[in-house]
């Protein structure tokens, strides 16, 4: 008898925790959220800058539908601290598992890429790093400082994890003075056990509130997806919760199912419904609201930052 050993390493599954789940039907997308495949010269140039600096973007890792539009304009959201997340949210397409050690040269690489791309506004996000004592807070701060050194005129927006059970982590990030602090709620609290089981809704609300307590000059921002089975009244209550934390900017976009193993789309919300959410959110006091099927946290972030700053100035002028 001859025994043959298979020495070819099998690729690691992207979502090992989802492998046992039954397949979910992937609903056909309506016409209003169809996008073209990216083919432009600007897209190719952005991709080359990202590759040459050995960087990761959430645009690619999360399968963002707006990547063609954003990269054509040399807008990219850098995802720091690796490409493997310690959590397993049922909506997310970022790979999960045991992360690698931090790349200590990454902050400098990000700063260099921001300068090369000539960005006036940059967005930084990260995977969850529950394996680190500070959840990656100091790495965020180092990257902010590296961007300030390499591109002093660039404004910086960060989209952070929740730093759950990481005492003192938030203070480290806020002390680095990003211009915008974004932390997404993702969905209404009744969905957390199935959609975002590693997170805690009211901890996230408190995180955003604490940013304002530490530094009122920093804009705060949060976003949710709809189409996950939420009720309208739940979305309106979420708006109230965010306003109680003095959050400035709300984004609302359509959830799109990455694969058959991910949480299913329960509904495609119409553009008219998004417009209604936007109207209500403004009535509740948000300085800025972005609500549409293709809205994502960092979509049009630079333009939105200018609008956000103008909205604050107008609000302060009315109160004067």
Protein backbone atom coordinates (compact mmCIF):
# COMPACT_ATOMS: atom_id res chain seq x y z
CA UNK A 1 0.00 0.00 0.00
CA UNK A 2 1.27 3.48 -0.88
CA UNK A 3 0.31 6.43 1.31
CA UNK A 4 0.22 9.78 -0.43
CA UNK A 5 0.63 12.84 1.78
CA UNK A 6 -1.07 16.01 0.68
CA UNK A 7 1.58 18.67 1.27
CA UNK A 8 -0.26 21.50 -0.43
CA UNK A 9 -1.42 23.97 2.21
CA UNK A 10 -5.14 24.56 2.03
CA UNK A 11 -6.09 28.24 1.98
CA UNK A 12 -7.46 29.51 5.26
CA UNK A 13 -11.21 30.15 5.03
CA UNK A 14 -12.02 33.85 5.15
CA UNK A 15 -14.87 33.35 7.61
CA UNK A 16 -14.31 30.07 9.49
CA UNK A 17 -16.96 30.93 12.06
CA UNK A 18 -19.61 31.16 9.34
CA UNK A 19 -18.84 27.85 7.62
CA UNK A 20 -21.39 25.88 9.67
CA UNK A 21 -24.21 28.31 8.99
CA UNK A 22 -26.94 27.33 6.52
CA UNK A 23 -26.91 29.16 3.21
CA UNK A 24 -29.09 32.25 3.05
CA UNK A 25 -30.76 33.38 -0.14
CA UNK A 26 -29.02 36.38 -1.69
CA UNK A 27 -31.73 38.72 -2.91
CA UNK A 28 -31.43 40.33 -6.33
CA UNK A 29 -30.42 43.98 -6.02
CA UNK A 30 -32.85 46.61 -7.28
CA UNK A 31 -31.78 48.94 -10.06
CA UNK A 32 -31.13 51.87 -7.72
CA UNK A 33 -28.10 50.21 -6.08
CA UNK A 34 -26.33 48.77 -9.10
CA UNK A 35 -22.80 50.09 -9.73
CA UNK A 36 -20.29 49.69 -12.56
CA UNK A 37 -17.09 47.67 -12.22
CA UNK A 38 -14.04 49.91 -11.55
CA UNK A 39 -11.89 50.41 -14.64
CA UNK A 40 -10.66 54.03 -14.59
CA UNK A 41 -7.07 55.25 -14.69
CA UNK A 42 -7.51 56.98 -11.32
CA UNK A 43 -8.65 53.69 -9.78
CA UNK A 44 -5.55 51.91 -11.11
CA UNK A 45 -3.23 54.66 -9.80
CA UNK A 46 -4.78 54.53 -6.33
CA UNK A 47 -4.48 50.76 -6.27
CA UNK A 48 -0.78 51.01 -7.17
CA UNK A 49 -0.09 53.50 -4.34
CA UNK A 50 -1.88 51.21 -1.87
CA UNK A 51 0.05 48.16 -3.10
CA UNK A 52 3.46 49.86 -3.20
CA UNK A 53 3.09 50.95 0.44
CA UNK A 54 1.88 47.50 1.50
CA UNK A 55 -1.33 48.94 2.92
CA UNK A 56 -4.79 47.50 3.51
CA UNK A 57 -8.02 49.35 2.68
CA UNK A 58 -11.48 48.66 4.00
CA UNK A 59 -12.68 49.55 0.50
CA UNK A 60 -11.36 46.18 -0.70
CA UNK A 61 -11.70 44.10 2.46
CA UNK A 62 -15.35 44.97 3.01
CA UNK A 63 -16.26 44.82 -0.69
CA UNK A 64 -17.52 48.42 -0.78
CA UNK A 65 -19.74 49.13 -3.82
CA UNK A 66 -18.33 52.66 -4.09
CA UNK A 67 -14.69 51.66 -4.57
CA UNK A 68 -14.62 52.57 -8.27
CA UNK A 69 -15.96 56.08 -7.68
CA UNK A 70 -13.79 56.79 -4.62
CA UNK A 71 -10.51 55.37 -5.92
CA UNK A 72 -10.94 57.21 -9.22
CA UNK A 73 -10.80 60.42 -7.12
CA UNK A 74 -7.86 59.01 -5.09
CA UNK A 75 -10.03 58.66 -2.00
CA UNK A 76 -9.30 55.54 0.06
CA UNK A 77 -10.05 54.43 3.60
CA UNK A 78 -6.95 52.90 5.13
CA UNK A 79 -7.52 49.91 7.40
CA UNK A 80 -4.72 49.72 9.94
CA UNK A 81 -3.58 46.92 12.26
CA UNK A 82 -3.87 44.17 9.66
CA UNK A 83 -6.67 42.55 7.73
CA UNK A 84 -7.85 39.92 10.25
CA UNK A 85 -10.51 40.87 12.80
CA UNK A 86 -10.96 39.26 16.21
CA UNK A 87 -14.74 39.54 16.00
CA UNK A 88 -17.26 37.76 13.83
CA UNK A 89 -20.12 40.14 13.01
CA UNK A 90 -22.62 38.39 10.77
CA UNK A 91 -22.85 41.30 8.31
CA UNK A 92 -19.14 41.90 7.78
CA UNK A 93 -16.90 40.69 4.95
CA UNK A 94 -13.58 41.40 6.70
CA UNK A 95 -11.65 38.18 7.42
CA UNK A 96 -11.82 36.85 10.98
CA UNK A 97 -9.40 34.84 13.10
CA UNK A 98 -6.13 35.33 14.98
CA UNK A 99 -4.44 38.54 13.82
CA UNK A 100 -0.75 38.94 13.11
CA UNK A 101 1.54 41.16 15.19
CA UNK A 102 1.28 44.89 14.57
CA UNK A 103 3.43 46.32 11.80
CA UNK A 104 5.34 49.06 13.60
CA UNK A 105 6.25 50.73 10.29
CA UNK A 106 2.59 51.03 9.26
CA UNK A 107 1.94 54.55 10.66
CA UNK A 108 4.84 55.94 8.62
CA UNK A 109 3.66 54.03 5.51
CA UNK A 110 0.18 55.48 5.85
CA UNK A 111 1.56 58.98 6.28
CA UNK A 112 3.71 58.54 3.16
CA UNK A 113 0.74 57.27 1.12
CA UNK A 114 -1.45 60.18 2.23
CA UNK A 115 1.24 62.61 1.06
CA UNK A 116 1.73 60.76 -2.25
CA UNK A 117 -1.99 60.82 -2.96
CA UNK A 118 -2.26 64.49 -2.08
CA UNK A 119 -5.23 63.88 0.18
CA UNK A 120 -6.85 66.87 1.85
CA UNK A 121 -8.97 64.56 4.05
CA UNK A 122 -8.16 60.98 5.02
CA UNK A 123 -10.18 58.26 6.75
CA UNK A 124 -8.55 55.65 8.97
CA UNK A 125 -10.33 52.58 10.23
CA UNK A 126 -9.20 49.25 11.65
CA UNK A 127 -10.14 45.71 12.40
CA UNK A 128 -11.13 44.92 16.00
CA UNK A 129 -8.03 43.97 17.96
CA UNK A 130 -9.41 42.49 21.16
CA UNK A 131 -6.08 40.64 21.49
CA UNK A 132 -4.21 43.88 22.28
CA UNK A 133 -4.19 45.36 25.77
CA UNK A 134 -5.29 48.77 24.47
CA UNK A 135 -7.34 47.50 21.51
CA UNK A 136 -4.90 49.27 19.20
CA UNK A 137 -5.46 52.77 20.60
CA UNK A 138 -1.78 53.74 20.61
CA UNK A 139 -1.39 52.50 17.01
CA UNK A 140 -4.28 54.78 16.00
CA UNK A 141 -2.57 57.68 17.78
CA UNK A 142 0.80 56.94 16.14
CA UNK A 143 -0.83 56.86 12.71
CA UNK A 144 -2.58 60.17 13.29
CA UNK A 145 0.73 61.73 14.33
CA UNK A 146 2.52 60.26 11.30
CA UNK A 147 -0.07 61.76 8.94
CA UNK A 148 0.26 65.16 10.63
CA UNK A 149 4.02 64.99 10.09
CA UNK A 150 3.87 63.87 6.45
CA UNK A 151 0.84 65.92 5.37
CA UNK A 152 0.26 68.78 7.83
CA UNK A 153 -2.70 70.23 5.95
CA UNK A 154 -4.68 66.99 5.78
CA UNK A 155 -7.72 66.63 8.02
CA UNK A 156 -8.12 63.23 9.67
CA UNK A 157 -11.23 61.17 10.26
CA UNK A 158 -11.07 57.93 12.21
CA UNK A 159 -13.57 55.07 12.34
CA UNK A 160 -12.72 53.08 15.44
CA UNK A 161 -13.69 49.85 17.17
CA UNK A 162 -15.56 50.14 20.46
CA UNK A 163 -12.51 49.53 22.73
CA UNK A 164 -14.77 47.36 24.87
CA UNK A 165 -13.12 46.57 28.24
CA UNK A 166 -10.00 48.55 27.25
CA UNK A 167 -9.73 51.11 30.05
CA UNK A 168 -7.96 54.29 29.03
CA UNK A 169 -7.84 53.42 25.33
CA UNK A 170 -10.32 56.04 24.18
CA UNK A 171 -8.43 58.77 25.99
CA UNK A 172 -5.23 57.89 24.07
CA UNK A 173 -7.00 58.23 20.71
CA UNK A 174 -8.81 61.46 21.58
CA UNK A 175 -5.56 63.02 22.82
CA UNK A 176 -4.13 62.61 19.28
CA UNK A 177 -6.88 65.04 18.16
CA UNK A 178 -8.47 63.57 15.04
CA UNK A 179 -10.80 66.02 13.32
CA UNK A 180 -13.68 63.51 13.18
CA UNK A 181 -14.26 60.56 15.51
CA UNK A 182 -16.56 57.98 13.95
CA UNK A 183 -17.84 54.84 15.62
CA UNK A 184 -20.67 52.98 13.94
CA UNK A 185 -23.63 51.50 15.79
CA UNK A 186 -24.28 49.43 12.63
CA UNK A 187 -27.86 48.46 13.57
CA UNK A 188 -30.64 48.84 16.14
CA UNK A 189 -30.20 47.19 19.58
CA UNK A 190 -32.71 44.38 18.96
CA UNK A 191 -30.40 43.06 16.20
CA UNK A 192 -27.18 43.02 18.22
CA UNK A 193 -27.27 39.37 19.30
CA UNK A 194 -27.53 38.17 15.71
CA UNK A 195 -25.75 40.94 13.79
CA UNK A 196 -23.10 42.32 16.15
CA UNK A 197 -22.80 39.81 19.02
CA UNK A 198 -19.37 40.93 20.25
CA UNK A 199 -20.50 44.52 20.83
CA UNK A 200 -22.76 46.31 23.31
CA UNK A 201 -25.14 48.97 22.02
CA UNK A 202 -25.13 51.28 25.02
CA UNK A 203 -21.36 50.97 25.42
CA UNK A 204 -21.05 52.34 21.88
CA UNK A 205 -23.42 55.20 22.70
CA UNK A 206 -21.38 56.01 25.80
CA UNK A 207 -18.12 55.87 23.81
CA UNK A 208 -19.37 58.58 21.47
CA UNK A 209 -20.65 60.67 24.37
CA UNK A 210 -17.29 60.37 26.13
CA UNK A 211 -15.44 61.74 23.09
CA UNK A 212 -17.42 64.97 23.38
CA UNK A 213 -16.75 65.14 27.11
CA UNK A 214 -13.00 64.79 26.51
CA UNK A 215 -12.77 67.20 23.57
CA UNK A 216 -15.90 69.07 22.41
CA UNK A 217 -14.05 70.41 19.36
CA UNK A 218 -13.89 66.94 17.74
CA UNK A 219 -16.79 66.15 15.43
CA UNK A 220 -18.52 62.86 16.26
CA UNK A 221 -20.16 60.61 13.74
CA UNK A 222 -21.97 57.26 13.64
CA UNK A 223 -23.62 55.11 11.01
CA UNK A 224 -26.09 52.29 10.60
CA UNK A 225 -27.23 49.90 7.91
CA UNK A 226 -30.89 49.31 7.16
CA UNK A 227 -32.47 46.24 5.61
CA UNK A 228 -31.40 43.98 8.48
CA UNK A 229 -34.90 43.49 9.84
CA UNK A 230 -35.18 46.67 11.89
CA UNK A 231 -38.45 48.52 12.43
CA UNK A 232 -38.80 52.21 11.57
CA UNK A 233 -39.58 53.17 15.17
CA UNK A 234 -36.33 51.47 16.25
CA UNK A 235 -34.33 53.61 13.83
CA UNK A 236 -35.98 56.75 15.17
CA UNK A 237 -35.18 55.74 18.75
CA UNK A 238 -31.56 55.11 17.71
CA UNK A 239 -31.44 58.66 16.37
CA UNK A 240 -32.61 59.94 19.75
CA UNK A 241 -29.96 57.86 21.52
CA UNK A 242 -27.23 59.34 19.33
CA UNK A 243 -28.47 62.86 19.87
CA UNK A 244 -28.47 62.27 23.63
CA UNK A 245 -24.72 61.63 23.17
CA UNK A 246 -24.40 64.88 21.16
CA UNK A 247 -23.38 63.08 17.96
CA UNK A 248 -23.01 65.52 15.05
CA UNK A 249 -23.24 63.38 11.91
CA UNK A 250 -25.38 60.34 11.06
CA UNK A 251 -24.98 58.07 8.03
CA UNK A 252 -27.58 55.52 6.92
CA UNK A 253 -26.99 53.05 4.09
CA UNK A 254 -28.43 49.85 2.67
CA UNK A 255 -27.02 46.57 3.97
CA UNK A 256 -25.73 44.36 1.15
CA UNK A 257 -25.13 40.67 1.84
CA UNK A 258 -21.51 39.66 1.03
CA UNK A 259 -22.19 35.91 0.69
CA UNK A 260 -24.72 33.15 1.34
CA UNK A 261 -23.17 32.62 4.77
CA UNK A 262 -23.74 36.19 5.93
CA UNK A 263 -26.82 37.71 7.51
CA UNK A 264 -29.58 37.89 4.90
CA UNK A 265 -30.99 41.10 3.52
CA UNK A 266 -34.48 41.42 4.96
CA UNK A 267 -35.53 44.34 2.77
CA UNK A 268 -34.22 46.79 0.20
CA UNK A 269 -35.13 50.22 1.51
CA UNK A 270 -36.34 52.60 -1.19
CA UNK A 271 -34.74 55.99 -1.93
CA UNK A 272 -37.94 57.68 -0.69
CA UNK A 273 -37.63 55.92 2.66
CA UNK A 274 -34.03 57.04 2.95
CA UNK A 275 -35.11 60.62 2.24
CA UNK A 276 -37.69 60.34 5.01
CA UNK A 277 -35.04 59.15 7.47
CA UNK A 278 -32.84 62.08 6.46
CA UNK A 279 -35.64 64.59 7.06
CA UNK A 280 -36.44 63.17 10.49
CA UNK A 281 -32.77 63.06 11.50
CA UNK A 282 -32.28 66.73 10.66
CA UNK A 283 -35.37 67.57 12.71
CA UNK A 284 -33.74 65.85 15.69
CA UNK A 285 -30.73 68.15 15.55
CA UNK A 286 -27.93 66.39 13.68
CA UNK A 287 -25.59 68.86 11.99
CA UNK A 288 -25.25 66.59 8.96
CA UNK A 289 -27.08 63.52 7.66
CA UNK A 290 -26.18 61.25 4.74
CA UNK A 291 -28.90 58.73 3.95
CA UNK A 292 -29.14 56.81 0.69
CA UNK A 293 -28.89 53.21 -0.53
CA UNK A 294 -25.17 53.56 -1.35
CA UNK A 295 -24.18 55.71 1.62
CA UNK A 296 -21.19 54.31 3.47
CA UNK A 297 -19.28 55.73 6.44
CA UNK A 298 -16.41 57.18 4.41
CA UNK A 299 -18.20 57.85 1.12
CA UNK A 300 -17.67 61.52 0.17
CA UNK A 301 -15.93 61.98 3.53
CA UNK A 302 -13.89 64.98 2.42
CA UNK A 303 -16.85 66.86 0.99
CA UNK A 304 -18.93 65.91 4.02
CA UNK A 305 -16.27 67.25 6.39
CA UNK A 306 -16.43 70.65 4.70
CA UNK A 307 -20.22 70.60 4.98
CA UNK A 308 -20.00 69.51 8.62
CA UNK A 309 -17.67 72.35 9.52
CA UNK A 310 -19.91 74.85 7.73
CA UNK A 311 -22.98 73.50 9.53
CA UNK A 312 -21.31 73.95 12.92
CA UNK A 313 -20.31 77.51 12.06
CA UNK A 314 -23.88 78.32 10.99
CA UNK A 315 -25.28 76.76 14.17
CA UNK A 316 -22.91 78.75 16.39
CA UNK A 317 -23.73 81.96 14.49
CA UNK A 318 -27.45 81.43 15.12
CA UNK A 319 -26.79 81.01 18.82
CA UNK A 320 -24.57 84.09 19.07
